[in-house]
Amino acid sequence: MLMDGFADRARIAALEEVVLGVQGVTGVQSLRARLMGSRVHVDVTVLVPSQMSIVEAHAVADRVEEALIRLSDVREVHVHVEPDVVAQAK
């Protein structure tokens, strides 16, 4: 996890917890947060079930973005989606 301008690991963990609470997310591959003035910009790569359709995966990405934007200090969110091939193998 990258924390440009962040000294608070608890805040990064809280952002990750929000992402993991979104239906369809099976994991967080990476999460970067940058402080731009008083606002946070988040770049996150989430894992979704590998058998999920592109349409469903896009909906998950939208839900992740919406969940993070609801936080008062988050201004911009970029969500990347990757298949969770490890979860499928289990």
PDB file of N, CA and C in Angstrom:
ATOM      1  N   MET A   1       0.833  -1.180   0.000  1.00  0.00           N
ATOM      2  CA  MET A   1       0.000   0.000   0.000  1.00  0.00           C
ATOM      3  C   MET A   1       0.876   1.241   0.000  1.00  0.00           C
ATOM      4  N   LEU A   2       0.577   2.155  -0.858  1.00  0.00           N
ATOM      5  CA  LEU A   2       1.321   3.403  -0.969  1.00  0.00           C
ATOM      6  C   LEU A   2       0.566   4.490  -0.229  1.00  0.00           C
ATOM      7  N   MET A   3       1.297   5.305   0.505  1.00  0.00           N
ATOM      8  CA  MET A   3       0.652   6.334   1.302  1.00  0.00           C
ATOM      9  C   MET A   3       1.308   7.681   1.048  1.00  0.00           C
ATOM     10  N   ASP A   4       1.262   8.185  -0.171  1.00  0.00           N
ATOM     11  CA  ASP A   4       1.836   9.497  -0.466  1.00  0.00           C
ATOM     12  C   ASP A   4       1.145  10.544   0.400  1.00  0.00           C
ATOM     13  N   GLY A   5       1.901  11.201   1.262  1.00  0.00           N
ATOM     14  CA  GLY A   5       1.321  12.237   2.093  1.00  0.00           C
ATOM     15  C   GLY A   5       0.525  11.705   3.265  1.00  0.00           C
ATOM     16  N   PHE A   6       0.497  10.402   3.443  1.00  0.00           N
ATOM     17  CA  PHE A   6      -0.232   9.795   4.553  1.00  0.00           C
ATOM     18  C   PHE A   6       0.764   9.290   5.579  1.00  0.00           C
ATOM     19  N   ALA A   7       0.542   9.618   6.825  1.00  0.00           N
ATOM     20  CA  ALA A   7       1.368   9.076   7.896  1.00  0.00           C
ATOM     21  C   ALA A   7       0.553   8.100   8.736  1.00  0.00           C
ATOM     22  N   ASP A   8      -0.721   7.982   8.437  1.00  0.00           N
ATOM     23  CA  ASP A   8      -1.642   7.222   9.269  1.00  0.00           C
ATOM     24  C   ASP A   8      -2.022   5.897   8.609  1.00  0.00           C
ATOM     25  N   ARG A   9      -1.357   4.837   9.020  1.00  0.00           N
ATOM     26  CA  ARG A   9      -1.658   3.511   8.472  1.00  0.00           C
ATOM     27  C   ARG A   9      -3.084   3.078   8.809  1.00  0.00           C
ATOM     28  N   ALA A  10      -3.603   3.558   9.919  1.00  0.00           N
ATOM     29  CA  ALA A  10      -4.979   3.220  10.303  1.00  0.00           C
ATOM     30  C   ALA A  10      -5.965   3.753   9.265  1.00  0.00           C
ATOM     31  N   ARG A  11      -5.688   4.915   8.694  1.00  0.00           N
ATOM     32  CA  ARG A  11      -6.570   5.492   7.670  1.00  0.00           C
ATOM     33  C   ARG A  11      -6.555   4.636   6.405  1.00  0.00           C
ATOM     34  N   ILE A  12      -5.378   4.174   6.017  1.00  0.00           N
ATOM     35  CA  ILE A  12      -5.264   3.295   4.853  1.00  0.00           C
ATOM     36  C   ILE A  12      -6.020   1.998   5.113  1.00  0.00           C
ATOM     37  N   ALA A  13      -5.868   1.449   6.304  1.00  0.00           N
ATOM     38  CA  ALA A  13      -6.580   0.216   6.665  1.00  0.00           C
ATOM     39  C   ALA A  13      -8.087   0.442   6.633  1.00  0.00           C
ATOM     40  N   ALA A  14      -8.536   1.616   7.047  1.00  0.00           N
ATOM     41  CA  ALA A  14      -9.966   1.931   7.021  1.00  0.00           C
ATOM     42  C   ALA A  14     -10.483   2.009   5.586  1.00  0.00           C
ATOM     43  N   LEU A  15      -9.694   2.584   4.686  1.00  0.00           N
ATOM     44  CA  LEU A  15     -10.088   2.629   3.275  1.00  0.00           C
ATOM     45  C   LEU A  15     -10.204   1.218   2.713  1.00  0.00           C
ATOM     46  N   GLU A  16      -9.235   0.374   3.046  1.00  0.00           N
ATOM     47  CA  GLU A  16      -9.264  -1.008   2.573  1.00  0.00           C
ATOM     48  C   GLU A  16     -10.482  -1.748   3.122  1.00  0.00           C
ATOM     49  N   GLU A  17     -10.826  -1.487   4.370  1.00  0.00           N
ATOM     50  CA  GLU A  17     -11.998  -2.129   4.974  1.00  0.00           C
ATOM     51  C   GLU A  17     -13.281  -1.747   4.237  1.00  0.00           C
ATOM     52  N   VAL A  18     -13.382  -0.480   3.840  1.00  0.00           N
ATOM     53  CA  VAL A  18     -14.542  -0.029   3.067  1.00  0.00           C
ATOM     54  C   VAL A  18     -14.617  -0.806   1.756  1.00  0.00           C
ATOM     55  N   VAL A  19     -13.495  -0.936   1.074  1.00  0.00           N
ATOM     56  CA  VAL A  19     -13.455  -1.650  -0.208  1.00  0.00           C
ATOM     57  C   VAL A  19     -13.842  -3.113  -0.019  1.00  0.00           C
ATOM     58  N   LEU A  20     -13.298  -3.750   1.003  1.00  0.00           N
ATOM     59  CA  LEU A  20     -13.590  -5.168   1.244  1.00  0.00           C
ATOM     60  C   LEU A  20     -15.049  -5.396   1.622  1.00  0.00           C
ATOM     61  N   GLY A  21     -15.729  -4.355   2.073  1.00  0.00           N
ATOM     62  CA  GLY A  21     -17.137  -4.466   2.423  1.00  0.00           C
ATOM     63  C   GLY A  21     -18.077  -4.387   1.233  1.00  0.00           C
ATOM     64  N   VAL A  22     -17.543  -4.128   0.057  1.00  0.00           N
ATOM     65  CA  VAL A  22     -18.369  -4.008  -1.149  1.00  0.00           C
ATOM     66  C   VAL A  22     -18.671  -5.398  -1.698  1.00  0.00           C
ATOM     67  N   GLN A  23     -19.941  -5.640  -1.958  1.00  0.00           N
ATOM     68  CA  GLN A  23     -20.365  -6.932  -2.498  1.00  0.00           C
ATOM     69  C   GLN A  23     -19.660  -7.217  -3.817  1.00  0.00           C
ATOM     70  N   GLY A  24     -19.081  -8.414  -3.920  1.00  0.00           N
ATOM     71  CA  GLY A  24     -18.397  -8.834  -5.135  1.00  0.00           C
ATOM     72  C   GLY A  24     -16.886  -8.732  -5.043  1.00  0.00           C
ATOM     73  N   VAL A  25     -16.372  -7.971  -4.082  1.00  0.00           N
ATOM     74  CA  VAL A  25     -14.921  -7.841  -3.904  1.00  0.00           C
ATOM     75  C   VAL A  25     -14.430  -9.013  -3.065  1.00  0.00           C
ATOM     76  N   THR A  26     -13.464  -9.768  -3.602  1.00  0.00           N
ATOM     77  CA  THR A  26     -12.901 -10.896  -2.851  1.00  0.00           C
ATOM     78  C   THR A  26     -11.554 -10.558  -2.229  1.00  0.00           C
ATOM     79  N   GLY A  27     -10.974  -9.428  -2.633  1.00  0.00           N
ATOM     80  CA  GLY A  27      -9.698  -9.018  -2.064  1.00  0.00           C
ATOM     81  C   GLY A  27      -9.245  -7.691  -2.628  1.00  0.00           C
ATOM     82  N   VAL A  28      -8.212  -7.152  -1.994  1.00  0.00           N
ATOM     83  CA  VAL A  28      -7.590  -5.914  -2.461  1.00  0.00           C
ATOM     84  C   VAL A  28      -6.157  -6.251  -2.840  1.00  0.00           C
ATOM     85  N   GLN A  29      -5.841  -6.104  -4.121  1.00  0.00           N
ATOM     86  CA  GLN A  29      -4.486  -6.386  -4.592  1.00  0.00           C
ATOM     87  C   GLN A  29      -3.544  -5.233  -4.255  1.00  0.00           C
ATOM     88  N   SER A  30      -4.023  -4.017  -4.427  1.00  0.00           N
ATOM     89  CA  SER A  30      -3.229  -2.843  -4.065  1.00  0.00           C
ATOM     90  C   SER A  30      -4.162  -1.680  -3.780  1.00  0.00           C
ATOM     91  N   LEU A  31      -3.697  -0.793  -2.929  1.00  0.00           N
ATOM     92  CA  LEU A  31      -4.454   0.411  -2.613  1.00  0.00           C
ATOM     93  C   LEU A  31      -3.449   1.537  -2.404  1.00  0.00           C
ATOM     94  N   ARG A  32      -3.610   2.601  -3.171  1.00  0.00           N
ATOM     95  CA  ARG A  32      -2.754   3.781  -3.041  1.00  0.00           C
ATOM     96  C   ARG A  32      -3.643   4.964  -2.711  1.00  0.00           C
ATOM     97  N   ALA A  33      -3.207   5.750  -1.777  1.00  0.00           N
ATOM     98  CA  ALA A  33      -3.942   6.961  -1.420  1.00  0.00           C
ATOM     99  C   ALA A  33      -2.963   8.123  -1.389  1.00  0.00           C
ATOM    100  N   ARG A  34      -3.381   9.208  -1.997  1.00  0.00           N
ATOM    101  CA  ARG A  34      -2.543  10.409  -2.032  1.00  0.00           C
ATOM    102  C   ARG A  34      -3.340  11.572  -1.464  1.00  0.00           C
ATOM    103  N   LEU A  35      -2.688  12.326  -0.642  1.00  0.00           N
ATOM    104  CA  LEU A  35      -3.309  13.513  -0.077  1.00  0.00           C
ATOM    105  C   LEU A  35      -3.025  14.687  -1.000  1.00  0.00           C
ATOM    106  N   MET A  36      -4.078  15.302  -1.502  1.00  0.00           N
ATOM    107  CA  MET A  36      -3.978  16.477  -2.366  1.00  0.00           C
ATOM    108  C   MET A  36      -4.683  17.614  -1.631  1.00  0.00           C
ATOM    109  N   GLY A  37      -3.903  18.423  -0.933  1.00  0.00           N
ATOM    110  CA  GLY A  37      -4.510  19.429  -0.062  1.00  0.00           C
ATOM    111  C   GLY A  37      -5.174  18.713   1.101  1.00  0.00           C
ATOM    112  N   SER A  38      -6.461  18.943   1.271  1.00  0.00           N
ATOM    113  CA  SER A  38      -7.198  18.264   2.343  1.00  0.00           C
ATOM    114  C   SER A  38      -8.001  17.079   1.820  1.00  0.00           C
ATOM    115  N   ARG A  39      -7.865  16.779   0.542  1.00  0.00           N
ATOM    116  CA  ARG A  39      -8.646  15.715  -0.090  1.00  0.00           C
ATOM    117  C   ARG A  39      -7.783  14.518  -0.420  1.00  0.00           C
ATOM    118  N   VAL A  40      -8.418  13.358  -0.457  1.00  0.00           N
ATOM    119  CA  VAL A  40      -7.725  12.102  -0.720  1.00  0.00           C
ATOM    120  C   VAL A  40      -8.092  11.597  -2.112  1.00  0.00           C
ATOM    121  N   HIS A  41      -7.083  11.169  -2.843  1.00  0.00           N
ATOM    122  CA  HIS A  41      -7.271  10.511  -4.131  1.00  0.00           C
ATOM    123  C   HIS A  41      -6.865   9.055  -3.939  1.00  0.00           C
ATOM    124  N   VAL A  42      -7.730   8.134  -4.351  1.00  0.00           N
ATOM    125  CA  VAL A  42      -7.508   6.706  -4.117  1.00  0.00           C
ATOM    126  C   VAL A  42      -7.404   5.971  -5.447  1.00  0.00           C
ATOM    127  N   ASP A  43      -6.417   5.094  -5.537  1.00  0.00           N
ATOM    128  CA  ASP A  43      -6.244   4.199  -6.681  1.00  0.00           C
ATOM    129  C   ASP A  43      -6.197   2.794  -6.105  1.00  0.00           C
ATOM    130  N   VAL A  44      -7.188   1.980  -6.451  1.00  0.00           N
ATOM    131  CA  VAL A  44      -7.293   0.655  -5.846  1.00  0.00           C
ATOM    132  C   VAL A  44      -7.484  -0.407  -6.924  1.00  0.00           C
ATOM    133  N   THR A  45      -6.831  -1.542  -6.733  1.00  0.00           N
ATOM    134  CA  THR A  45      -7.033  -2.712  -7.587  1.00  0.00           C
ATOM    135  C   THR A  45      -7.721  -3.764  -6.739  1.00  0.00           C
ATOM    136  N   VAL A  46      -8.938  -4.125  -7.159  1.00  0.00           N
ATOM    137  CA  VAL A  46      -9.719  -5.109  -6.414  1.00  0.00           C
ATOM    138  C   VAL A  46      -9.740  -6.437  -7.156  1.00  0.00           C
ATOM    139  N   LEU A  47      -9.924  -7.492  -6.394  1.00  0.00           N
ATOM    140  CA  LEU A  47     -10.074  -8.826  -6.956  1.00  0.00           C
ATOM    141  C   LEU A  47     -11.545  -9.205  -6.932  1.00  0.00           C
ATOM    142  N   VAL A  48     -11.997  -9.821  -8.015  1.00  0.00           N
ATOM    143  CA  VAL A  48     -13.370 -10.320  -8.113  1.00  0.00           C
ATOM    144  C   VAL A  48     -13.302 -11.763  -8.591  1.00  0.00           C
ATOM    145  N   PRO A  49     -14.351 -12.545  -8.358  1.00  0.00           N
ATOM    146  CA  PRO A  49     -14.334 -13.933  -8.828  1.00  0.00           C
ATOM    147  C   PRO A  49     -14.008 -14.000 -10.319  1.00  0.00           C
ATOM    148  N   SER A  50     -13.141 -14.931 -10.683  1.00  0.00           N
ATOM    149  CA  SER A  50     -12.668 -14.994 -12.070  1.00  0.00           C
ATOM    150  C   SER A  50     -13.766 -15.349 -13.068  1.00  0.00           C
ATOM    151  N   GLN A  51     -14.830 -15.977 -12.615  1.00  0.00           N
ATOM    152  CA  GLN A  51     -15.921 -16.329 -13.520  1.00  0.00           C
ATOM    153  C   GLN A  51     -16.925 -15.184 -13.694  1.00  0.00           C
ATOM    154  N   MET A  52     -16.711 -14.068 -13.015  1.00  0.00           N
ATOM    155  CA  MET A  52     -17.620 -12.927 -13.093  1.00  0.00           C
ATOM    156  C   MET A  52     -17.550 -12.308 -14.490  1.00  0.00           C
ATOM    157  N   SER A  53     -18.706 -11.914 -15.011  1.00  0.00           N
ATOM    158  CA  SER A  53     -18.740 -11.275 -16.328  1.00  0.00           C
ATOM    159  C   SER A  53     -18.153  -9.867 -16.249  1.00  0.00           C
ATOM    160  N   ILE A  54     -17.817  -9.337 -17.406  1.00  0.00           N
ATOM    161  CA  ILE A  54     -17.282  -7.976 -17.468  1.00  0.00           C
ATOM    162  C   ILE A  54     -18.317  -6.978 -16.964  1.00  0.00           C
ATOM    163  N   VAL A  55     -19.555  -7.196 -17.308  1.00  0.00           N
ATOM    164  CA  VAL A  55     -20.627  -6.300 -16.855  1.00  0.00           C
ATOM    165  C   VAL A  55     -20.722  -6.314 -15.332  1.00  0.00           C
ATOM    166  N   GLU A  56     -20.682  -7.507 -14.741  1.00  0.00           N
ATOM    167  CA  GLU A  56     -20.744  -7.619 -13.278  1.00  0.00           C
ATOM    168  C   GLU A  56     -19.516  -6.984 -12.629  1.00  0.00           C
ATOM    169  N   ALA A  57     -18.342  -7.222 -13.200  1.00  0.00           N
ATOM    170  CA  ALA A  57     -17.106  -6.659 -12.646  1.00  0.00           C
ATOM    171  C   ALA A  57     -17.133  -5.133 -12.709  1.00  0.00           C
ATOM    172  N   HIS A  58     -17.684  -4.599 -13.786  1.00  0.00           N
ATOM    173  CA  HIS A  58     -17.803  -3.145 -13.907  1.00  0.00           C
ATOM    174  C   HIS A  58     -18.743  -2.595 -12.831  1.00  0.00           C
ATOM    175  N   ALA A  59     -19.816  -3.320 -12.555  1.00  0.00           N
ATOM    176  CA  ALA A  59     -20.752  -2.902 -11.505  1.00  0.00           C
ATOM    177  C   ALA A  59     -20.071  -2.914 -10.138  1.00  0.00           C
ATOM    178  N   VAL A  60     -19.217  -3.902  -9.898  1.00  0.00           N
ATOM    179  CA  VAL A  60     -18.460  -3.952  -8.642  1.00  0.00           C
ATOM    180  C   VAL A  60     -17.556  -2.725  -8.542  1.00  0.00           C
ATOM    181  N   ALA A  61     -16.865  -2.401  -9.624  1.00  0.00           N
ATOM    182  CA  ALA A  61     -15.987  -1.226  -9.632  1.00  0.00           C
ATOM    183  C   ALA A  61     -16.778   0.048  -9.332  1.00  0.00           C
ATOM    184  N   ASP A  62     -17.964   0.164  -9.900  1.00  0.00           N
ATOM    185  CA  ASP A  62     -18.819   1.325  -9.622  1.00  0.00           C
ATOM    186  C   ASP A  62     -19.191   1.386  -8.145  1.00  0.00           C
ATOM    187  N   ARG A  63     -19.522   0.234  -7.560  1.00  0.00           N
ATOM    188  CA  ARG A  63     -19.895   0.196  -6.136  1.00  0.00           C
ATOM    189  C   ARG A  63     -18.714   0.568  -5.240  1.00  0.00           C
ATOM    190  N   VAL A  64     -17.517   0.120  -5.608  1.00  0.00           N
ATOM    191  CA  VAL A  64     -16.320   0.484  -4.839  1.00  0.00           C
ATOM    192  C   VAL A  64     -16.118   1.999  -4.895  1.00  0.00           C
ATOM    193  N   GLU A  65     -16.208   2.556  -6.084  1.00  0.00           N
ATOM    194  CA  GLU A  65     -16.041   4.002  -6.233  1.00  0.00           C
ATOM    195  C   GLU A  65     -17.073   4.758  -5.402  1.00  0.00           C
ATOM    196  N   GLU A  66     -18.327   4.349  -5.480  1.00  0.00           N
ATOM    197  CA  GLU A  66     -19.392   5.014  -4.726  1.00  0.00           C
ATOM    198  C   GLU A  66     -19.157   4.925  -3.225  1.00  0.00           C
ATOM    199  N   ALA A  67     -18.718   3.759  -2.749  1.00  0.00           N
ATOM    200  CA  ALA A  67     -18.481   3.573  -1.313  1.00  0.00           C
ATOM    201  C   ALA A  67     -17.366   4.487  -0.816  1.00  0.00           C
ATOM    202  N   LEU A  68     -16.311   4.627  -1.599  1.00  0.00           N
ATOM    203  CA  LEU A  68     -15.196   5.478  -1.181  1.00  0.00           C
ATOM    204  C   LEU A  68     -15.532   6.963  -1.296  1.00  0.00           C
ATOM    205  N   ILE A  69     -16.253   7.347  -2.334  1.00  0.00           N
ATOM    206  CA  ILE A  69     -16.624   8.754  -2.528  1.00  0.00           C
ATOM    207  C   ILE A  69     -17.553   9.231  -1.409  1.00  0.00           C
ATOM    208  N   ARG A  70     -18.312   8.316  -0.817  1.00  0.00           N
ATOM    209  CA  ARG A  70     -19.193   8.689   0.300  1.00  0.00           C
ATOM    210  C   ARG A  70     -18.403   9.188   1.509  1.00  0.00           C
ATOM    211  N   LEU A  71     -17.137   8.814   1.607  1.00  0.00           N
ATOM    212  CA  LEU A  71     -16.303   9.294   2.709  1.00  0.00           C
ATOM    213  C   LEU A  71     -16.022  10.776   2.490  1.00  0.00           C
ATOM    214  N   SER A  72     -16.115  11.552   3.535  1.00  0.00           N
ATOM    215  CA  SER A  72     -16.089  13.010   3.396  1.00  0.00           C
ATOM    216  C   SER A  72     -14.805  13.569   2.798  1.00  0.00           C
ATOM    217  N   ASP A  73     -13.674  12.902   3.010  1.00  0.00           N
ATOM    218  CA  ASP A  73     -12.414  13.474   2.533  1.00  0.00           C
ATOM    219  C   ASP A  73     -11.931  12.891   1.208  1.00  0.00           C
ATOM    220  N   VAL A  74     -12.640  11.922   0.665  1.00  0.00           N
ATOM    221  CA  VAL A  74     -12.223  11.299  -0.597  1.00  0.00           C
ATOM    222  C   VAL A  74     -12.827  12.080  -1.758  1.00  0.00           C
ATOM    223  N   ARG A  75     -11.965  12.508  -2.659  1.00  0.00           N
ATOM    224  CA  ARG A  75     -12.431  13.316  -3.787  1.00  0.00           C
ATOM    225  C   ARG A  75     -12.446  12.544  -5.097  1.00  0.00           C
ATOM    226  N   GLU A  76     -11.441  11.713  -5.307  1.00  0.00           N
ATOM    227  CA  GLU A  76     -11.321  11.012  -6.585  1.00  0.00           C
ATOM    228  C   GLU A  76     -10.933   9.568  -6.339  1.00  0.00           C
ATOM    229  N   VAL A  77     -11.537   8.662  -7.123  1.00  0.00           N
ATOM    230  CA  VAL A  77     -11.272   7.229  -6.974  1.00  0.00           C
ATOM    231  C   VAL A  77     -11.084   6.615  -8.352  1.00  0.00           C
ATOM    232  N   HIS A  78     -10.039   5.814  -8.482  1.00  0.00           N
ATOM    233  CA  HIS A  78      -9.809   5.015  -9.684  1.00  0.00           C
ATOM    234  C   HIS A  78      -9.810   3.560  -9.239  1.00  0.00           C
ATOM    235  N   VAL A  79     -10.656   2.757  -9.871  1.00  0.00           N
ATOM    236  CA  VAL A  79     -10.774   1.345  -9.500  1.00  0.00           C
ATOM    237  C   VAL A  79     -10.357   0.484 -10.681  1.00  0.00           C
ATOM    238  N   HIS A  80      -9.470  -0.446 -10.418  1.00  0.00           N
ATOM    239  CA  HIS A  80      -9.041  -1.434 -11.401  1.00  0.00           C
ATOM    240  C   HIS A  80      -9.538  -2.788 -10.906  1.00  0.00           C
ATOM    241  N   VAL A  81      -9.933  -3.651 -11.820  1.00  0.00           N
ATOM    242  CA  VAL A  81     -10.482  -4.958 -11.455  1.00  0.00           C
ATOM    243  C   VAL A  81      -9.610  -6.054 -12.047  1.00  0.00           C
ATOM    244  N   GLU A  82      -9.288  -7.037 -11.220  1.00  0.00           N
ATOM    245  CA  GLU A  82      -8.520  -8.207 -11.646  1.00  0.00           C
ATOM    246  C   GLU A  82      -9.255  -9.467 -11.206  1.00  0.00           C
ATOM    247  N   PRO A  83      -9.135 -10.553 -11.976  1.00  0.00           N
ATOM    248  CA  PRO A  83      -9.770 -11.813 -11.564  1.00  0.00           C
ATOM    249  C   PRO A  83      -9.022 -12.429 -10.387  1.00  0.00           C
ATOM    250  N   ASP A  84      -9.771 -12.956  -9.442  1.00  0.00           N
ATOM    251  CA  ASP A  84      -9.186 -13.624  -8.278  1.00  0.00           C
ATOM    252  C   ASP A  84      -9.039 -15.107  -8.605  1.00  0.00           C
ATOM    253  N   VAL A  85      -7.927 -15.453  -9.232  1.00  0.00           N
ATOM    254  CA  VAL A  85      -7.713 -16.846  -9.643  1.00  0.00           C
ATOM    255  C   VAL A  85      -7.370 -17.731  -8.454  1.00  0.00           C
ATOM    256  N   VAL A  86      -6.840 -17.158  -7.382  1.00  0.00           N
ATOM    257  CA  VAL A  86      -6.533 -17.935  -6.179  1.00  0.00           C
ATOM    258  C   VAL A  86      -7.818 -18.420  -5.526  1.00  0.00           C
ATOM    259  N   ALA A  87      -8.819 -17.552  -5.431  1.00  0.00           N
ATOM    260  CA  ALA A  87     -10.094 -17.937  -4.823  1.00  0.00           C
ATOM    261  C   ALA A  87     -10.771 -19.035  -5.631  1.00  0.00           C
ATOM    262  N   GLN A  88     -10.627 -18.989  -6.949  1.00  0.00           N
ATOM    263  CA  GLN A  88     -11.245 -20.004  -7.799  1.00  0.00           C
ATOM    264  C   GLN A  88     -10.590 -21.362  -7.585  1.00  0.00           C
ATOM    265  N   ALA A  89      -9.299 -21.386  -7.328  1.00  0.00           N
ATOM    266  CA  ALA A  89      -8.563 -22.642  -7.173  1.00  0.00           C
ATOM    267  C   ALA A  89      -8.895 -23.355  -5.868  1.00  0.00           C
ATOM    268  N   LYS A  90      -9.456 -22.625  -4.914  1.00  0.00           N
ATOM    269  CA  LYS A  90      -9.759 -23.226  -3.605  1.00  0.00           C
ATOM    270  C   LYS A  90     -10.945 -24.147  -3.657  1.00  0.00           C
TER     271      LYS A  90
END
